[in-house]
């Protein structure tokens, strides 16, 4: 008898998300509950397999963070479905949250007057770790992220980079099978960012058990970590392939050129190249 084919770790099916148009002043007062007509996602469909790392690449406002927030059960899609480890994010959010770790570079959500250790212990127990399990994981991650000294300081006294590393540790605390990262190396210096990428490659992805979906503007980070890249443009999936596949499809030399080609921004890229050439000393 053949083994059953494993379910994809992440599934997006015709995912759509619309927001109400922004209103200010008297119009916002008179029309507080307008219909959601402003598109953020328009029919995005793709799958991420167990043990696979997929990067979301797109301009600001393209819909990358919306995808991650829907998968993290922070938003409900307008239409379509999203699944994490076989669980519908809208219908079974509690089961989804047990399977995933989520980190957004712009929102740490810590209690500032508690120490880093107290915060991680609290979030670990929220994720069904015993106190002893949480303490062991905190010690392990504190060493890996060079947080040992910071763990016993109040979070409000920590630098933005240290707080960022603390947030990354929180996302990994319960050893999630699905890891969602929204610009994970934002606010990290070059050394800390390189160490974190090495940690993802060596500790998280090497066992091929954890699925990683991350948004990043750092093309070198995408090339280093991602098995495939989902190019998001104006809320739609423009391409979904390996880096080499994207280069072959667009007949370009690097990921930056491929991105401009796929999103229809090639003229802008050529204009930048022309200006750069003019500024070079003769």
Protein backbone atom coordinates (compact mmCIF):
# COMPACT_ATOMS: atom_id res chain seq x y z
CA UNK A 1 0.00 0.00 0.00
CA UNK A 2 1.42 3.37 -1.04
CA UNK A 3 1.82 6.19 1.45
CA UNK A 4 -0.73 8.98 1.18
CA UNK A 5 0.54 12.10 -0.53
CA UNK A 6 1.28 14.70 2.17
CA UNK A 7 -0.90 17.79 2.20
CA UNK A 8 0.74 21.08 1.19
CA UNK A 9 1.71 23.15 4.22
CA UNK A 10 0.04 26.28 2.77
CA UNK A 11 -2.72 26.53 0.18
CA UNK A 12 -4.20 29.72 -1.26
CA UNK A 13 -7.30 29.29 -3.43
CA UNK A 14 -8.52 32.30 -5.42
CA UNK A 15 -7.69 34.51 -2.43
CA UNK A 16 -9.31 37.94 -2.58
CA UNK A 17 -9.31 40.81 -0.12
CA UNK A 18 -11.05 44.15 -0.50
CA UNK A 19 -10.99 47.16 1.82
CA UNK A 20 -13.40 50.10 2.08
CA UNK A 21 -12.12 53.27 0.39
CA UNK A 22 -10.35 55.61 2.83
CA UNK A 23 -12.52 58.51 3.96
CA UNK A 24 -11.79 61.55 6.11
CA UNK A 25 -13.74 64.38 7.67
CA UNK A 26 -17.52 64.62 7.39
CA UNK A 27 -17.67 61.88 4.77
CA UNK A 28 -16.12 59.37 7.18
CA UNK A 29 -18.69 60.39 9.78
CA UNK A 30 -21.67 60.06 7.39
CA UNK A 31 -20.46 56.85 5.72
CA UNK A 32 -18.64 54.83 8.41
CA UNK A 33 -19.49 51.41 6.90
CA UNK A 34 -18.90 51.69 3.18
CA UNK A 35 -18.68 48.64 0.93
CA UNK A 36 -15.24 47.12 0.54
CA UNK A 37 -14.34 48.03 -3.05
CA UNK A 38 -10.59 48.76 -2.88
CA UNK A 39 -8.71 45.59 -3.96
CA UNK A 40 -5.68 44.36 -2.02
CA UNK A 41 -5.67 40.78 -3.38
CA UNK A 42 -7.32 39.66 -6.60
CA UNK A 43 -7.52 35.89 -7.00
CA UNK A 44 -4.13 34.73 -5.70
CA UNK A 45 -3.64 30.95 -5.94
CA UNK A 46 -0.54 28.92 -5.05
CA UNK A 47 0.70 26.16 -2.75
CA UNK A 48 3.76 25.81 -0.52
CA UNK A 49 4.97 22.31 0.28
CA UNK A 50 6.24 20.97 3.60
CA UNK A 51 9.91 21.89 4.05
CA UNK A 52 9.80 24.47 1.24
CA UNK A 53 10.84 28.12 1.52
CA UNK A 54 8.89 30.57 -0.64
CA UNK A 55 9.54 34.30 -0.90
CA UNK A 56 6.89 36.94 -1.57
CA UNK A 57 8.40 39.63 -3.79
CA UNK A 58 6.56 42.81 -4.69
CA UNK A 59 6.44 46.57 -4.34
CA UNK A 60 5.01 48.23 -1.24
CA UNK A 61 1.23 47.84 -1.33
CA UNK A 62 1.32 44.85 -3.69
CA UNK A 63 -0.44 42.58 -1.19
CA UNK A 64 2.41 40.63 0.44
CA UNK A 65 1.58 41.56 4.03
CA UNK A 66 -2.12 40.98 3.39
CA UNK A 67 -1.37 37.38 2.36
CA UNK A 68 0.69 36.81 5.50
CA UNK A 69 -1.91 38.41 7.77
CA UNK A 70 -4.68 36.24 6.30
CA UNK A 71 -2.57 33.12 6.85
CA UNK A 72 -1.83 34.28 10.40
CA UNK A 73 -5.62 34.56 11.04
CA UNK A 74 -5.34 38.32 11.59
CA UNK A 75 -7.53 39.07 8.55
CA UNK A 76 -10.47 37.25 6.98
CA UNK A 77 -10.45 37.01 3.17
CA UNK A 78 -13.29 38.66 1.26
CA UNK A 79 -13.49 35.64 -1.04
CA UNK A 80 -11.48 32.48 -1.59
CA UNK A 81 -9.80 30.27 0.98
CA UNK A 82 -6.47 29.93 2.76
CA UNK A 83 -5.28 26.74 4.47
CA UNK A 84 -2.39 26.13 6.88
CA UNK A 85 -1.51 22.46 7.56
CA UNK A 86 -4.94 21.49 6.22
CA UNK A 87 -6.88 23.92 8.42
CA UNK A 88 -9.02 26.74 7.01
CA UNK A 89 -7.75 30.06 8.41
CA UNK A 90 -11.26 31.54 8.55
CA UNK A 91 -13.13 28.48 9.89
CA UNK A 92 -10.54 26.96 12.23
CA UNK A 93 -8.17 29.78 13.29
CA UNK A 94 -7.28 28.18 16.64
CA UNK A 95 -5.89 25.05 14.95
CA UNK A 96 -4.00 27.23 12.46
CA UNK A 97 -2.33 29.27 15.19
CA UNK A 98 -1.04 26.10 16.87
CA UNK A 99 0.87 25.24 13.70
CA UNK A 100 2.47 28.55 12.81
CA UNK A 101 4.91 31.15 13.98
CA UNK A 102 4.41 34.72 12.75
CA UNK A 103 6.75 37.69 12.80
CA UNK A 104 6.08 41.13 11.34
CA UNK A 105 9.06 43.46 11.23
CA UNK A 106 6.89 46.50 11.99
CA UNK A 107 4.88 45.12 14.93
CA UNK A 108 6.57 43.43 17.88
CA UNK A 109 3.59 43.47 20.30
CA UNK A 110 5.60 43.00 23.51
CA UNK A 111 4.73 44.20 26.99
CA UNK A 112 7.33 46.98 27.40
CA UNK A 113 7.62 46.90 31.21
CA UNK A 114 8.25 43.16 31.31
CA UNK A 115 11.67 41.68 30.59
CA UNK A 116 12.39 39.82 27.40
CA UNK A 117 12.41 36.54 29.34
CA UNK A 118 9.03 37.27 30.97
CA UNK A 119 7.54 38.13 27.59
CA UNK A 120 8.82 34.96 25.93
CA UNK A 121 7.69 32.84 28.86
CA UNK A 122 4.19 34.34 28.59
CA UNK A 123 3.96 33.76 24.83
CA UNK A 124 5.42 30.27 25.16
CA UNK A 125 2.71 29.27 27.60
CA UNK A 126 0.09 30.79 25.28
CA UNK A 127 1.44 28.34 22.69
CA UNK A 128 0.85 25.39 25.06
CA UNK A 129 4.45 24.96 26.21
CA UNK A 130 4.98 23.98 29.82
CA UNK A 131 6.97 26.40 31.93
CA UNK A 132 10.00 24.09 31.80
CA UNK A 133 9.74 23.66 28.01
CA UNK A 134 9.42 27.40 27.52
CA UNK A 135 12.44 28.11 29.74
CA UNK A 136 14.58 25.59 27.83
CA UNK A 137 13.57 27.08 24.46
CA UNK A 138 14.21 30.63 25.73
CA UNK A 139 17.73 29.66 26.80
CA UNK A 140 18.36 27.92 23.46
CA UNK A 141 17.06 30.78 21.30
CA UNK A 142 18.67 33.40 23.52
CA UNK A 143 22.06 31.90 22.74
CA UNK A 144 21.33 31.50 19.02
CA UNK A 145 20.14 35.10 18.66
CA UNK A 146 22.73 36.61 21.05
CA UNK A 147 19.97 37.70 23.43
CA UNK A 148 21.36 36.26 26.67
CA UNK A 149 22.13 39.68 28.21
CA UNK A 150 18.93 41.28 26.88
CA UNK A 151 16.56 38.63 28.23
CA UNK A 152 16.58 40.09 31.74
CA UNK A 153 16.11 43.72 30.68
CA UNK A 154 12.78 45.47 30.23
CA UNK A 155 11.76 45.42 26.57
CA UNK A 156 11.28 49.21 26.54
CA UNK A 157 15.03 49.64 27.20
CA UNK A 158 16.13 47.50 24.24
CA UNK A 159 17.27 48.82 20.87
CA UNK A 160 15.05 48.30 17.83
CA UNK A 161 17.41 45.67 16.46
CA UNK A 162 17.44 43.71 19.72
CA UNK A 163 13.64 43.91 19.96
CA UNK A 164 13.48 42.60 16.41
CA UNK A 165 15.60 39.59 17.34
CA UNK A 166 13.41 39.01 20.38
CA UNK A 167 10.35 38.97 18.12
CA UNK A 168 12.00 36.44 15.81
CA UNK A 169 12.76 34.24 18.81
CA UNK A 170 9.12 34.43 19.86
CA UNK A 171 7.99 33.25 16.40
CA UNK A 172 10.22 30.16 16.73
CA UNK A 173 9.56 29.45 20.40
CA UNK A 174 7.12 26.56 19.92
CA UNK A 175 8.93 25.01 16.92
CA UNK A 176 6.18 25.80 14.38
CA UNK A 177 5.70 23.68 11.27
CA UNK A 178 4.78 26.80 9.27
CA UNK A 179 6.77 30.00 9.71
CA UNK A 180 5.51 33.34 8.35
CA UNK A 181 7.98 36.23 8.27
CA UNK A 182 7.20 39.74 7.07
CA UNK A 183 10.51 41.46 6.25
CA UNK A 184 12.31 39.51 9.01
CA UNK A 185 15.66 41.29 8.79
CA UNK A 186 14.25 44.83 8.89
CA UNK A 187 16.10 46.88 11.55
CA UNK A 188 18.86 44.28 11.86
CA UNK A 189 22.42 45.33 11.12
CA UNK A 190 24.34 43.50 8.38
CA UNK A 191 25.98 41.02 10.78
CA UNK A 192 22.76 40.19 12.65
CA UNK A 193 20.85 39.82 9.36
CA UNK A 194 23.48 37.45 7.97
CA UNK A 195 23.44 35.41 11.19
CA UNK A 196 19.65 35.15 11.06
CA UNK A 197 19.69 33.97 7.43
CA UNK A 198 22.27 31.34 8.34
CA UNK A 199 20.10 30.27 11.27
CA UNK A 200 17.05 29.86 9.00
CA UNK A 201 19.05 27.86 6.46
CA UNK A 202 20.83 25.63 9.00
CA UNK A 203 18.33 25.18 11.83
CA UNK A 204 14.86 25.80 10.38
CA UNK A 205 14.99 24.62 6.77
CA UNK A 206 17.66 21.91 6.88
CA UNK A 207 15.38 19.26 8.36
CA UNK A 208 12.80 19.83 5.57
CA UNK A 209 10.00 19.78 8.15
CA UNK A 210 9.29 23.50 8.50
CA UNK A 211 7.61 25.45 5.72
CA UNK A 212 8.74 29.07 5.38
CA UNK A 213 6.80 31.85 3.65
CA UNK A 214 8.46 35.23 3.91
CA UNK A 215 8.20 38.69 2.39
CA UNK A 216 11.40 40.57 1.68
CA UNK A 217 12.77 43.43 -0.39
CA UNK A 218 16.32 42.09 -0.05
CA UNK A 219 16.95 40.22 -3.30
CA UNK A 220 20.12 38.58 -2.00
CA UNK A 221 18.10 37.23 0.94
CA UNK A 222 15.52 35.76 -1.45
CA UNK A 223 18.21 34.17 -3.61
CA UNK A 224 19.88 32.66 -0.54
CA UNK A 225 16.79 31.23 1.17
CA UNK A 226 13.92 30.72 -1.27
CA UNK A 227 13.25 27.54 -3.22
CA UNK A 228 10.59 29.43 -5.19
CA UNK A 229 9.47 33.05 -5.53
CA UNK A 230 5.90 34.37 -5.73
CA UNK A 231 5.95 37.72 -7.54
CA UNK A 232 2.96 39.80 -6.40
CA UNK A 233 1.92 42.81 -8.48
CA UNK A 234 -1.12 44.96 -7.70
CA UNK A 235 -2.75 42.17 -5.71
CA UNK A 236 -2.24 39.50 -8.37
CA UNK A 237 0.21 36.62 -8.76
CA UNK A 238 2.47 37.69 -11.63
CA UNK A 239 4.74 34.62 -11.46
CA UNK A 240 5.56 31.65 -9.23
CA UNK A 241 8.81 29.84 -9.97
CA UNK A 242 12.39 29.24 -8.91
CA UNK A 243 14.84 32.11 -9.30
CA UNK A 244 16.46 30.34 -12.25
CA UNK A 245 13.01 29.73 -13.74
CA UNK A 246 12.13 33.43 -13.46
CA UNK A 247 15.41 34.41 -15.12
CA UNK A 248 14.83 31.94 -17.97
CA UNK A 249 11.23 33.08 -18.45
CA UNK A 250 12.17 36.78 -18.63
CA UNK A 251 15.55 36.24 -20.35
CA UNK A 252 17.24 38.48 -17.79
CA UNK A 253 20.54 38.29 -15.96
CA UNK A 254 19.41 38.79 -12.35
CA UNK A 255 16.36 38.80 -10.09
CA UNK A 256 16.05 42.58 -10.07
CA UNK A 257 15.75 42.72 -13.85
CA UNK A 258 13.32 39.77 -13.83
CA UNK A 259 11.12 41.53 -11.27
CA UNK A 260 10.96 44.72 -13.36
CA UNK A 261 10.13 42.64 -16.44
CA UNK A 262 7.35 40.66 -14.73
CA UNK A 263 5.71 43.71 -13.17
CA UNK A 264 5.81 45.85 -16.30
CA UNK A 265 8.37 48.23 -14.80
CA UNK A 266 11.10 47.52 -17.33
CA UNK A 267 10.96 51.06 -18.75
CA UNK A 268 11.54 52.45 -15.26
CA UNK A 269 14.50 50.11 -14.81
CA UNK A 270 15.99 51.22 -18.15
CA UNK A 271 15.53 54.87 -17.16
CA UNK A 272 17.44 54.26 -13.92
CA UNK A 273 20.18 52.49 -15.85
CA UNK A 274 20.41 55.44 -18.27
CA UNK A 275 20.63 57.99 -15.45
CA UNK A 276 23.25 55.90 -13.66
CA UNK A 277 25.31 55.71 -16.85
CA UNK A 278 25.12 59.50 -17.32
CA UNK A 279 26.33 60.11 -13.76
CA UNK A 280 29.42 57.93 -14.15
CA UNK A 281 32.72 59.81 -14.68
CA UNK A 282 33.98 59.69 -18.24
